């Protein structure tokens, strides 16, 4: 499957979730080199996803970008399938729901 097709499937899935907005990051002469393919917000948290074809991995520069975004608090990772993204967002959803429940108990 082409990276473009995987990217489109991931964006469609993410935008079907509640409180998520995701979009494709386009490259150009003024763009940040090696930035992630998809960025967005999930319940107010920024995320960056580098998409690869199955069997491929990000370049050193792409790994560096993801790590630099993690240091700012972004949920930054790479995926070679929609299923990988679903695993991450299912886990995020569970953890955020736990935090919301805890906050309700404290208030």
PDB file of N, CA and C in Angstrom:
ATOM      1  N   UNK A   1       0.845  -1.181   0.000  1.00  0.00           N
ATOM      2  CA  UNK A   1       0.000   0.000   0.000  1.00  0.00           C
ATOM      3  C   UNK A   1       0.890   1.244   0.000  1.00  0.00           C
ATOM      4  N   UNK A   2       0.502   2.259  -0.726  1.00  0.00           N
ATOM      5  CA  UNK A   2       1.264   3.492  -0.796  1.00  0.00           C
ATOM      6  C   UNK A   2       1.144   4.292   0.496  1.00  0.00           C
ATOM      7  N   UNK A   3       2.210   5.019   0.823  1.00  0.00           N
ATOM      8  CA  UNK A   3       2.199   5.863   2.027  1.00  0.00           C
ATOM      9  C   UNK A   3       1.034   6.854   1.985  1.00  0.00           C
ATOM     10  N   UNK A   4       0.766   7.399   0.816  1.00  0.00           N
ATOM     11  CA  UNK A   4      -0.333   8.352   0.653  1.00  0.00           C
ATOM     12  C   UNK A   4      -1.672   7.733   1.056  1.00  0.00           C
ATOM     13  N   UNK A   5      -1.893   6.482   0.666  1.00  0.00           N
ATOM     14  CA  UNK A   5      -3.153   5.803   1.006  1.00  0.00           C
ATOM     15  C   UNK A   5      -3.263   5.551   2.505  1.00  0.00           C
ATOM     16  N   UNK A   6      -2.152   5.159   3.123  1.00  0.00           N
ATOM     17  CA  UNK A   6      -2.142   4.935   4.575  1.00  0.00           C
ATOM     18  C   UNK A   6      -2.419   6.258   5.290  1.00  0.00           C
ATOM     19  N   UNK A   7      -1.765   7.321   4.839  1.00  0.00           N
ATOM     20  CA  UNK A   7      -1.959   8.653   5.432  1.00  0.00           C
ATOM     21  C   UNK A   7      -3.421   9.064   5.357  1.00  0.00           C
ATOM     22  N   UNK A   8      -4.030   8.905   4.195  1.00  0.00           N
ATOM     23  CA  UNK A   8      -5.437   9.285   4.026  1.00  0.00           C
ATOM     24  C   UNK A   8      -6.358   8.482   4.934  1.00  0.00           C
ATOM     25  N   UNK A   9      -6.103   7.187   5.073  1.00  0.00           N
ATOM     26  CA  UNK A   9      -6.918   6.345   5.962  1.00  0.00           C
ATOM     27  C   UNK A   9      -6.777   6.798   7.417  1.00  0.00           C
ATOM     28  N   UNK A  10      -5.560   7.115   7.819  1.00  0.00           N
ATOM     29  CA  UNK A  10      -5.317   7.556   9.195  1.00  0.00           C
ATOM     30  C   UNK A  10      -6.039   8.875   9.466  1.00  0.00           C
ATOM     31  N   UNK A  11      -5.926   9.819   8.545  1.00  0.00           N
ATOM     32  CA  UNK A  11      -6.588  11.119   8.738  1.00  0.00           C
ATOM     33  C   UNK A  11      -8.103  10.944   8.809  1.00  0.00           C
ATOM     34  N   UNK A  12      -8.656  10.129   7.926  1.00  0.00           N
ATOM     35  CA  UNK A  12     -10.104   9.886   7.945  1.00  0.00           C
ATOM     36  C   UNK A  12     -10.534   9.278   9.282  1.00  0.00           C
ATOM     37  N   UNK A  13      -9.768   8.294   9.769  1.00  0.00           N
ATOM     38  CA  UNK A  13     -10.074   7.677  11.056  1.00  0.00           C
ATOM     39  C   UNK A  13      -9.991   8.703  12.187  1.00  0.00           C
ATOM     40  N   UNK A  14      -8.884   9.444  12.251  1.00  0.00           N
ATOM     41  CA  UNK A  14      -8.704  10.402  13.341  1.00  0.00           C
ATOM     42  C   UNK A  14      -9.818  11.440  13.359  1.00  0.00           C
ATOM     43  N   UNK A  15     -10.200  11.942  12.190  1.00  0.00           N
ATOM     44  CA  UNK A  15     -11.256  12.956  12.139  1.00  0.00           C
ATOM     45  C   UNK A  15     -12.641  12.395  12.419  1.00  0.00           C
ATOM     46  N   UNK A  16     -12.758  11.068  12.487  1.00  0.00           N
ATOM     47  CA  UNK A  16     -14.038  10.458  12.877  1.00  0.00           C
ATOM     48  C   UNK A  16     -14.173  10.367  14.401  1.00  0.00           C
ATOM     49  N   UNK A  17     -13.061  10.572  15.107  1.00  0.00           N
ATOM     50  CA  UNK A  17     -13.078  10.498  16.574  1.00  0.00           C
ATOM     51  C   UNK A  17     -13.595  11.797  17.166  1.00  0.00           C
ATOM     52  N   UNK A  18     -14.188  11.674  18.340  1.00  0.00           N
ATOM     53  CA  UNK A  18     -14.680  12.840  19.063  1.00  0.00           C
ATOM     54  C   UNK A  18     -13.506  13.677  19.555  1.00  0.00           C
ATOM     55  N   UNK A  19     -13.594  14.978  19.388  1.00  0.00           N
ATOM     56  CA  UNK A  19     -12.608  15.944  19.894  1.00  0.00           C
ATOM     57  C   UNK A  19     -11.225  15.782  19.259  1.00  0.00           C
ATOM     58  N   UNK A  20     -11.208  15.404  17.967  1.00  0.00           N
ATOM     59  CA  UNK A  20      -9.954  15.267  17.231  1.00  0.00           C
ATOM     60  C   UNK A  20     -10.049  16.066  15.936  1.00  0.00           C
ATOM     61  N   UNK A  21      -8.961  16.754  15.607  1.00  0.00           N
ATOM     62  CA  UNK A  21      -8.815  17.390  14.303  1.00  0.00           C
ATOM     63  C   UNK A  21      -7.421  17.048  13.807  1.00  0.00           C
ATOM     64  N   UNK A  22      -7.355  16.409  12.639  1.00  0.00           N
ATOM     65  CA  UNK A  22      -6.080  15.986  12.060  1.00  0.00           C
ATOM     66  C   UNK A  22      -6.010  16.457  10.615  1.00  0.00           C
ATOM     67  N   UNK A  23      -4.786  16.747  10.161  1.00  0.00           N
ATOM     68  CA  UNK A  23      -4.596  17.150   8.781  1.00  0.00           C
ATOM     69  C   UNK A  23      -3.227  16.745   8.278  1.00  0.00           C
ATOM     70  N   UNK A  24      -3.125  16.670   6.957  1.00  0.00           N
ATOM     71  CA  UNK A  24      -1.875  16.346   6.276  1.00  0.00           C
ATOM     72  C   UNK A  24      -0.997  17.586   6.283  1.00  0.00           C
ATOM     73  N   UNK A  25       0.263  17.399   6.617  1.00  0.00           N
ATOM     74  CA  UNK A  25       1.228  18.482   6.568  1.00  0.00           C
ATOM     75  C   UNK A  25       1.910  18.421   5.205  1.00  0.00           C
ATOM     76  N   UNK A  26       1.799  19.484   4.465  1.00  0.00           N
ATOM     77  CA  UNK A  26       2.394  19.522   3.127  1.00  0.00           C
ATOM     78  C   UNK A  26       3.779  20.135   3.197  1.00  0.00           C
ATOM     79  N   UNK A  27       4.651  19.640   2.360  1.00  0.00           N
ATOM     80  CA  UNK A  27       6.014  20.166   2.340  1.00  0.00           C
ATOM     81  C   UNK A  27       6.138  21.242   1.273  1.00  0.00           C
ATOM     82  N   UNK A  28       7.173  22.020   1.401  1.00  0.00           N
ATOM     83  CA  UNK A  28       7.439  23.077   0.443  1.00  0.00           C
ATOM     84  C   UNK A  28       8.748  23.763   0.783  1.00  0.00           C
ATOM     85  N   UNK A  29       9.072  24.780   0.067  1.00  0.00           N
ATOM     86  CA  UNK A  29      10.365  25.433   0.264  1.00  0.00           C
ATOM     87  C   UNK A  29      10.472  26.138   1.613  1.00  0.00           C
ATOM     88  N   UNK A  30       9.362  26.525   2.224  1.00  0.00           N
ATOM     89  CA  UNK A  30       9.406  27.208   3.516  1.00  0.00           C
ATOM     90  C   UNK A  30       9.041  26.287   4.675  1.00  0.00           C
ATOM     91  N   UNK A  31       8.857  25.027   4.394  1.00  0.00           N
ATOM     92  CA  UNK A  31       8.435  24.063   5.414  1.00  0.00           C
ATOM     93  C   UNK A  31       9.616  23.607   6.265  1.00  0.00           C
ATOM     94  N   UNK A  32       9.296  23.143   7.462  1.00  0.00           N
ATOM     95  CA  UNK A  32      10.307  22.559   8.344  1.00  0.00           C
ATOM     96  C   UNK A  32      10.753  21.230   7.755  1.00  0.00           C
ATOM     97  N   UNK A  33      12.058  21.040   7.569  1.00  0.00           N
ATOM     98  CA  UNK A  33      12.534  19.770   7.006  1.00  0.00           C
ATOM     99  C   UNK A  33      12.189  18.580   7.903  1.00  0.00           C
ATOM    100  N   UNK A  34      11.826  17.486   7.286  1.00  0.00           N
ATOM    101  CA  UNK A  34      11.578  16.209   7.977  1.00  0.00           C
ATOM    102  C   UNK A  34      10.443  16.259   8.977  1.00  0.00           C
ATOM    103  N   UNK A  35       9.529  17.196   8.830  1.00  0.00           N
ATOM    104  CA  UNK A  35       8.390  17.237   9.748  1.00  0.00           C
ATOM    105  C   UNK A  35       7.493  16.031   9.517  1.00  0.00           C
ATOM    106  N   UNK A  36       6.610  15.771  10.455  1.00  0.00           N
ATOM    107  CA  UNK A  36       5.730  14.609  10.371  1.00  0.00           C
ATOM    108  C   UNK A  36       4.697  14.804   9.260  1.00  0.00           C
ATOM    109  N   UNK A  37       4.106  13.701   8.812  1.00  0.00           N
ATOM    110  CA  UNK A  37       3.120  13.731   7.734  1.00  0.00           C
ATOM    111  C   UNK A  37       1.751  14.223   8.193  1.00  0.00           C
ATOM    112  N   UNK A  38       1.411  13.922   9.447  1.00  0.00           N
ATOM    113  CA  UNK A  38       0.105  14.275   9.986  1.00  0.00           C
ATOM    114  C   UNK A  38       0.318  15.014  11.304  1.00  0.00           C
ATOM    115  N   UNK A  39      -0.463  16.055  11.497  1.00  0.00           N
ATOM    116  CA  UNK A  39      -0.463  16.731  12.794  1.00  0.00           C
ATOM    117  C   UNK A  39      -1.905  17.022  13.169  1.00  0.00           C
ATOM    118  N   UNK A  40      -2.109  17.368  14.418  1.00  0.00           N
ATOM    119  CA  UNK A  40      -3.460  17.686  14.854  1.00  0.00           C
ATOM    120  C   UNK A  40      -3.552  17.837  16.347  1.00  0.00           C
ATOM    121  N   UNK A  41      -4.791  17.845  16.809  1.00  0.00           N
ATOM    122  CA  UNK A  41      -5.066  18.025  18.227  1.00  0.00           C
ATOM    123  C   UNK A  41      -6.074  16.975  18.680  1.00  0.00           C
ATOM    124  N   UNK A  42      -5.801  16.374  19.818  1.00  0.00           N
ATOM    125  CA  UNK A  42      -6.707  15.403  20.435  1.00  0.00           C
ATOM    126  C   UNK A  42      -6.991  15.865  21.852  1.00  0.00           C
ATOM    127  N   UNK A  43      -8.216  16.326  22.068  1.00  0.00           N
ATOM    128  CA  UNK A  43      -8.634  16.817  23.379  1.00  0.00           C
ATOM    129  C   UNK A  43      -7.655  17.866  23.903  1.00  0.00           C
ATOM    130  N   UNK A  44      -7.186  18.713  22.997  1.00  0.00           N
ATOM    131  CA  UNK A  44      -6.285  19.791  23.371  1.00  0.00           C
ATOM    132  C   UNK A  44      -4.816  19.426  23.356  1.00  0.00           C
ATOM    133  N   UNK A  45      -4.502  18.168  23.093  1.00  0.00           N
ATOM    134  CA  UNK A  45      -3.109  17.724  23.049  1.00  0.00           C
ATOM    135  C   UNK A  45      -2.653  17.624  21.594  1.00  0.00           C
ATOM    136  N   UNK A  46      -1.508  18.207  21.301  1.00  0.00           N
ATOM    137  CA  UNK A  46      -0.975  18.142  19.949  1.00  0.00           C
ATOM    138  C   UNK A  46      -0.411  16.751  19.680  1.00  0.00           C
ATOM    139  N   UNK A  47      -0.574  16.296  18.440  1.00  0.00           N
ATOM    140  CA  UNK A  47       0.079  15.053  18.021  1.00  0.00           C
ATOM    141  C   UNK A  47       0.714  15.234  16.661  1.00  0.00           C
ATOM    142  N   UNK A  48       1.772  14.459  16.423  1.00  0.00           N
ATOM    143  CA  UNK A  48       2.499  14.433  15.157  1.00  0.00           C
ATOM    144  C   UNK A  48       2.759  12.973  14.810  1.00  0.00           C
ATOM    145  N   UNK A  49       2.402  12.583  13.589  1.00  0.00           N
ATOM    146  CA  UNK A  49       2.560  11.195  13.168  1.00  0.00           C
ATOM    147  C   UNK A  49       3.334  11.162  11.846  1.00  0.00           C
ATOM    148  N   UNK A  50       4.429  10.436  11.862  1.00  0.00           N
ATOM    149  CA  UNK A  50       5.184  10.170  10.634  1.00  0.00           C
ATOM    150  C   UNK A  50       4.661   8.854  10.070  1.00  0.00           C
ATOM    151  N   UNK A  51       4.236   8.857   8.823  1.00  0.00           N
ATOM    152  CA  UNK A  51       3.649   7.671   8.201  1.00  0.00           C
ATOM    153  C   UNK A  51       4.663   7.032   7.258  1.00  0.00           C
ATOM    154  N   UNK A  52       4.760   5.720   7.338  1.00  0.00           N
ATOM    155  CA  UNK A  52       5.654   4.952   6.476  1.00  0.00           C
ATOM    156  C   UNK A  52       4.908   3.770   5.880  1.00  0.00           C
ATOM    157  N   UNK A  53       5.384   3.306   4.736  1.00  0.00           N
ATOM    158  CA  UNK A  53       4.863   2.065   4.163  1.00  0.00           C
ATOM    159  C   UNK A  53       5.302   0.911   5.064  1.00  0.00           C
ATOM    160  N   UNK A  54       4.519  -0.160   5.127  1.00  0.00           N
ATOM    161  CA  UNK A  54       4.928  -1.319   5.927  1.00  0.00           C
ATOM    162  C   UNK A  54       6.328  -1.785   5.538  1.00  0.00           C
ATOM    163  N   UNK A  55       7.157  -2.008   6.559  1.00  0.00           N
ATOM    164  CA  UNK A  55       8.529  -2.447   6.332  1.00  0.00           C
ATOM    165  C   UNK A  55       9.533  -1.317   6.280  1.00  0.00           C
ATOM    166  N   UNK A  56       9.067  -0.082   6.141  1.00  0.00           N
ATOM    167  CA  UNK A  56       9.957   1.074   6.116  1.00  0.00           C
ATOM    168  C   UNK A  56       9.975   1.756   7.473  1.00  0.00           C
ATOM    169  N   UNK A  57      11.049   2.480   7.749  1.00  0.00           N
ATOM    170  CA  UNK A  57      11.182   3.225   9.000  1.00  0.00           C
ATOM    171  C   UNK A  57      11.537   4.670   8.681  1.00  0.00           C
ATOM    172  N   UNK A  58      11.289   5.579   9.621  1.00  0.00           N
ATOM    173  CA  UNK A  58      11.660   6.981   9.400  1.00  0.00           C
ATOM    174  C   UNK A  58      13.176   7.146   9.244  1.00  0.00           C
ATOM    175  N   UNK A  59      13.547   8.221   8.574  1.00  0.00           N
ATOM    176  CA  UNK A  59      14.953   8.571   8.448  1.00  0.00           C
ATOM    177  C   UNK A  59      15.450   9.117   9.788  1.00  0.00           C
ATOM    178  N   UNK A  60      16.752   9.269   9.912  1.00  0.00           N
ATOM    179  CA  UNK A  60      17.328   9.839  11.138  1.00  0.00           C
ATOM    180  C   UNK A  60      16.762  11.233  11.387  1.00  0.00           C
ATOM    181  N   UNK A  61      16.622  12.026  10.344  1.00  0.00           N
ATOM    182  CA  UNK A  61      16.080  13.379  10.500  1.00  0.00           C
ATOM    183  C   UNK A  61      14.615  13.340  10.951  1.00  0.00           C
ATOM    184  N   UNK A  62      13.834  12.385  10.462  1.00  0.00           N
ATOM    185  CA  UNK A  62      12.437  12.259  10.884  1.00  0.00           C
ATOM    186  C   UNK A  62      12.341  11.804  12.337  1.00  0.00           C
ATOM    187  N   UNK A  63      13.211  10.865  12.738  1.00  0.00           N
ATOM    188  CA  UNK A  63      13.252  10.468  14.148  1.00  0.00           C
ATOM    189  C   UNK A  63      13.602  11.666  15.022  1.00  0.00           C
ATOM    190  N   UNK A  64      14.566  12.464  14.581  1.00  0.00           N
ATOM    191  CA  UNK A  64      14.978  13.648  15.331  1.00  0.00           C
ATOM    192  C   UNK A  64      13.792  14.600  15.490  1.00  0.00           C
ATOM    193  N   UNK A  65      13.039  14.833  14.408  1.00  0.00           N
ATOM    194  CA  UNK A  65      11.877  15.713  14.487  1.00  0.00           C
ATOM    195  C   UNK A  65      10.873  15.182  15.510  1.00  0.00           C
ATOM    196  N   UNK A  66      10.557  13.893  15.438  1.00  0.00           N
ATOM    197  CA  UNK A  66       9.595  13.315  16.383  1.00  0.00           C
ATOM    198  C   UNK A  66      10.081  13.470  17.822  1.00  0.00           C
ATOM    199  N   UNK A  67      11.352  13.205  18.054  1.00  0.00           N
ATOM    200  CA  UNK A  67      11.904  13.344  19.417  1.00  0.00           C
ATOM    201  C   UNK A  67      11.851  14.795  19.884  1.00  0.00           C
ATOM    202  N   UNK A  68      12.154  15.723  18.985  1.00  0.00           N
ATOM    203  CA  UNK A  68      12.116  17.138  19.371  1.00  0.00           C
ATOM    204  C   UNK A  68      10.689  17.569  19.695  1.00  0.00           C
ATOM    205  N   UNK A  69       9.710  17.030  18.999  1.00  0.00           N
ATOM    206  CA  UNK A  69       8.308  17.354  19.295  1.00  0.00           C
ATOM    207  C   UNK A  69       7.872  16.732  20.614  1.00  0.00           C
ATOM    208  N   UNK A  70       8.346  15.523  20.916  1.00  0.00           N
ATOM    209  CA  UNK A  70       8.032  14.902  22.205  1.00  0.00           C
ATOM    210  C   UNK A  70       8.519  15.772  23.358  1.00  0.00           C
ATOM    211  N   UNK A  71       9.686  16.388  23.172  1.00  0.00           N
ATOM    212  CA  UNK A  71      10.247  17.246  24.227  1.00  0.00           C
ATOM    213  C   UNK A  71       9.387  18.472  24.493  1.00  0.00           C
ATOM    214  N   UNK A  72       8.564  18.869  23.531  1.00  0.00           N
ATOM    215  CA  UNK A  72       7.669  20.012  23.727  1.00  0.00           C
ATOM    216  C   UNK A  72       6.311  19.579  24.294  1.00  0.00           C
ATOM    217  N   UNK A  73       6.119  18.262  24.434  1.00  0.00           N
ATOM    218  CA  UNK A  73       4.855  17.756  24.963  1.00  0.00           C
ATOM    219  C   UNK A  73       3.936  17.147  23.925  1.00  0.00           C
ATOM    220  N   UNK A  74       4.346  17.140  22.671  1.00  0.00           N
ATOM    221  CA  UNK A  74       3.526  16.537  21.625  1.00  0.00           C
ATOM    222  C   UNK A  74       3.529  15.016  21.760  1.00  0.00           C
ATOM    223  N   UNK A  75       2.428  14.411  21.378  1.00  0.00           N
ATOM    224  CA  UNK A  75       2.349  12.958  21.243  1.00  0.00           C
ATOM    225  C   UNK A  75       2.875  12.681  19.843  1.00  0.00           C
ATOM    226  N   UNK A  76       4.127  12.266  19.750  1.00  0.00           N
ATOM    227  CA  UNK A  76       4.785  12.138  18.446  1.00  0.00           C
ATOM    228  C   UNK A  76       5.282  10.713  18.264  1.00  0.00           C
ATOM    229  N   UNK A  77       4.901  10.116  17.144  1.00  0.00           N
ATOM    230  CA  UNK A  77       5.287   8.730  16.869  1.00  0.00           C
ATOM    231  C   UNK A  77       5.200   8.474  15.374  1.00  0.00           C
ATOM    232  N   UNK A  78       5.677   7.308  14.967  1.00  0.00           N
ATOM    233  CA  UNK A  78       5.548   6.917  13.564  1.00  0.00           C
ATOM    234  C   UNK A  78       4.700   5.665  13.488  1.00  0.00           C
ATOM    235  N   UNK A  79       4.058   5.503  12.340  1.00  0.00           N
ATOM    236  CA  UNK A  79       3.172   4.354  12.144  1.00  0.00           C
ATOM    237  C   UNK A  79       3.255   3.886  10.699  1.00  0.00           C
ATOM    238  N   UNK A  80       3.137   2.575  10.519  1.00  0.00           N
ATOM    239  CA  UNK A  80       3.108   2.043   9.153  1.00  0.00           C
ATOM    240  C   UNK A  80       1.755   1.403   8.835  1.00  0.00           C
ATOM    241  N   UNK A  81       0.756   1.701   9.684  1.00  0.00           N
ATOM    242  CA  UNK A  81      -0.592   1.194   9.411  1.00  0.00           C
ATOM    243  C   UNK A  81      -1.613   1.965  10.246  1.00  0.00           C
ATOM    244  N   UNK A  82      -2.847   1.910   9.806  1.00  0.00           N
ATOM    245  CA  UNK A  82      -3.946   2.486  10.567  1.00  0.00           C
ATOM    246  C   UNK A  82      -4.069   1.783  11.919  1.00  0.00           C
ATOM    247  N   UNK A  83      -3.843   0.481  11.933  1.00  0.00           N
ATOM    248  CA  UNK A  83      -3.979  -0.292  13.165  1.00  0.00           C
ATOM    249  C   UNK A  83      -3.040   0.223  14.263  1.00  0.00           C
ATOM    250  N   UNK A  84      -1.810   0.610  13.886  1.00  0.00           N
ATOM    251  CA  UNK A  84      -0.866   1.150  14.873  1.00  0.00           C
ATOM    252  C   UNK A  84      -1.399   2.440  15.486  1.00  0.00           C
ATOM    253  N   UNK A  85      -1.991   3.284  14.667  1.00  0.00           N
ATOM    254  CA  UNK A  85      -2.544   4.547  15.149  1.00  0.00           C
ATOM    255  C   UNK A  85      -3.726   4.280  16.073  1.00  0.00           C
ATOM    256  N   UNK A  86      -4.561   3.317  15.707  1.00  0.00           N
ATOM    257  CA  UNK A  86      -5.706   2.970  16.561  1.00  0.00           C
ATOM    258  C   UNK A  86      -5.235   2.506  17.936  1.00  0.00           C
ATOM    259  N   UNK A  87      -4.184   1.718  17.992  1.00  0.00           N
ATOM    260  CA  UNK A  87      -3.642   1.245  19.274  1.00  0.00           C
ATOM    261  C   UNK A  87      -3.226   2.427  20.142  1.00  0.00           C
ATOM    262  N   UNK A  88      -2.503   3.373  19.553  1.00  0.00           N
ATOM    263  CA  UNK A  88      -2.038   4.543  20.312  1.00  0.00           C
ATOM    264  C   UNK A  88      -3.221   5.374  20.799  1.00  0.00           C
ATOM    265  N   UNK A  89      -4.178   5.654  19.926  1.00  0.00           N
ATOM    266  CA  UNK A  89      -5.290   6.511  20.319  1.00  0.00           C
ATOM    267  C   UNK A  89      -6.262   5.814  21.269  1.00  0.00           C
ATOM    268  N   UNK A  90      -6.410   4.502  21.169  1.00  0.00           N
ATOM    269  CA  UNK A  90      -7.217   3.774  22.153  1.00  0.00           C
ATOM    270  C   UNK A  90      -6.584   3.893  23.537  1.00  0.00           C
ATOM    271  N   UNK A  91      -5.262   3.745  23.607  1.00  0.00           N
ATOM    272  CA  UNK A  91      -4.551   3.865  24.884  1.00  0.00           C
ATOM    273  C   UNK A  91      -4.655   5.291  25.430  1.00  0.00           C
ATOM    274  N   UNK A  92      -4.500   6.277  24.557  1.00  0.00           N
ATOM    275  CA  UNK A  92      -4.631   7.678  24.984  1.00  0.00           C
ATOM    276  C   UNK A  92      -6.022   7.939  25.545  1.00  0.00           C
ATOM    277  N   UNK A  93      -7.028   7.442  24.848  1.00  0.00           N
ATOM    278  CA  UNK A  93      -8.409   7.643  25.279  1.00  0.00           C
ATOM    279  C   UNK A  93      -8.629   7.064  26.674  1.00  0.00           C
ATOM    280  N   UNK A  94      -8.136   5.858  26.903  1.00  0.00           N
ATOM    281  CA  UNK A  94      -8.281   5.227  28.220  1.00  0.00           C
ATOM    282  C   UNK A  94      -7.601   6.046  29.300  1.00  0.00           C
ATOM    283  N   UNK A  95      -6.363   6.481  29.057  1.00  0.00           N
ATOM    284  CA  UNK A  95      -5.619   7.245  30.061  1.00  0.00           C
ATOM    285  C   UNK A  95      -6.273   8.585  30.350  1.00  0.00           C
ATOM    286  N   UNK A  96      -6.729   9.276  29.315  1.00  0.00           N
ATOM    287  CA  UNK A  96      -7.364  10.579  29.526  1.00  0.00           C
ATOM    288  C   UNK A  96      -8.686  10.409  30.267  1.00  0.00           C
ATOM    289  N   UNK A  97      -9.437   9.358  29.962  1.00  0.00           N
ATOM    290  CA  UNK A  97     -10.669   9.096  30.703  1.00  0.00           C
ATOM    291  C   UNK A  97     -10.367   8.829  32.176  1.00  0.00           C
ATOM    292  N   UNK A  98      -9.272   8.120  32.479  1.00  0.00           N
ATOM    293  CA  UNK A  98      -8.870   7.886  33.871  1.00  0.00           C
ATOM    294  C   UNK A  98      -8.581   9.206  34.572  1.00  0.00           C
ATOM    295  N   UNK A  99      -7.880  10.091  33.893  1.00  0.00           N
ATOM    296  CA  UNK A  99      -7.554  11.399  34.469  1.00  0.00           C
ATOM    297  C   UNK A  99      -8.828  12.205  34.687  1.00  0.00           C
ATOM    298  N   UNK A 100      -9.743  12.202  33.709  1.00  0.00           N
ATOM    299  CA  UNK A 100     -11.014  12.914  33.857  1.00  0.00           C
ATOM    300  C   UNK A 100     -11.796  12.384  35.054  1.00  0.00           C
ATOM    301  N   UNK A 101     -11.805  11.063  35.236  1.00  0.00           N
ATOM    302  CA  UNK A 101     -12.513  10.470  36.378  1.00  0.00           C
ATOM    303  C   UNK A 101     -11.884  10.906  37.703  1.00  0.00           C
ATOM    304  N   UNK A 102     -10.574  10.914  37.738  1.00  0.00           N
ATOM    305  CA  UNK A 102      -9.871  11.342  38.939  1.00  0.00           C
ATOM    306  C   UNK A 102     -10.179  12.800  39.248  1.00  0.00           C
ATOM    307  N   UNK A 103     -10.182  13.637  38.239  1.00  0.00           N
ATOM    308  CA  UNK A 103     -10.493  15.058  38.442  1.00  0.00           C
ATOM    309  C   UNK A 103     -11.903  15.260  38.968  1.00  0.00           C
ATOM    310  N   UNK A 104     -12.850  14.451  38.487  1.00  0.00           N
ATOM    311  CA  UNK A 104     -14.219  14.527  38.991  1.00  0.00           C
ATOM    312  C   UNK A 104     -14.284  14.186  40.477  1.00  0.00           C
ATOM    313  N   UNK A 105     -13.497  13.194  40.895  1.00  0.00           N
ATOM    314  CA  UNK A 105     -13.473  12.812  42.304  1.00  0.00           C
ATOM    315  C   UNK A 105     -12.887  13.911  43.180  1.00  0.00           C
ATOM    316  N   UNK A 106     -11.947  14.646  42.649  1.00  0.00           N
ATOM    317  CA  UNK A 106     -11.275  15.696  43.413  1.00  0.00           C
ATOM    318  C   UNK A 106     -12.104  16.970  43.514  1.00  0.00           C
ATOM    319  N   UNK A 107     -13.036  17.156  42.593  1.00  0.00           N
ATOM    320  CA  UNK A 107     -13.829  18.391  42.593  1.00  0.00           C
ATOM    321  C   UNK A 107     -15.076  18.256  43.364  1.00  0.00           C
TER     322      UNK A 107
END
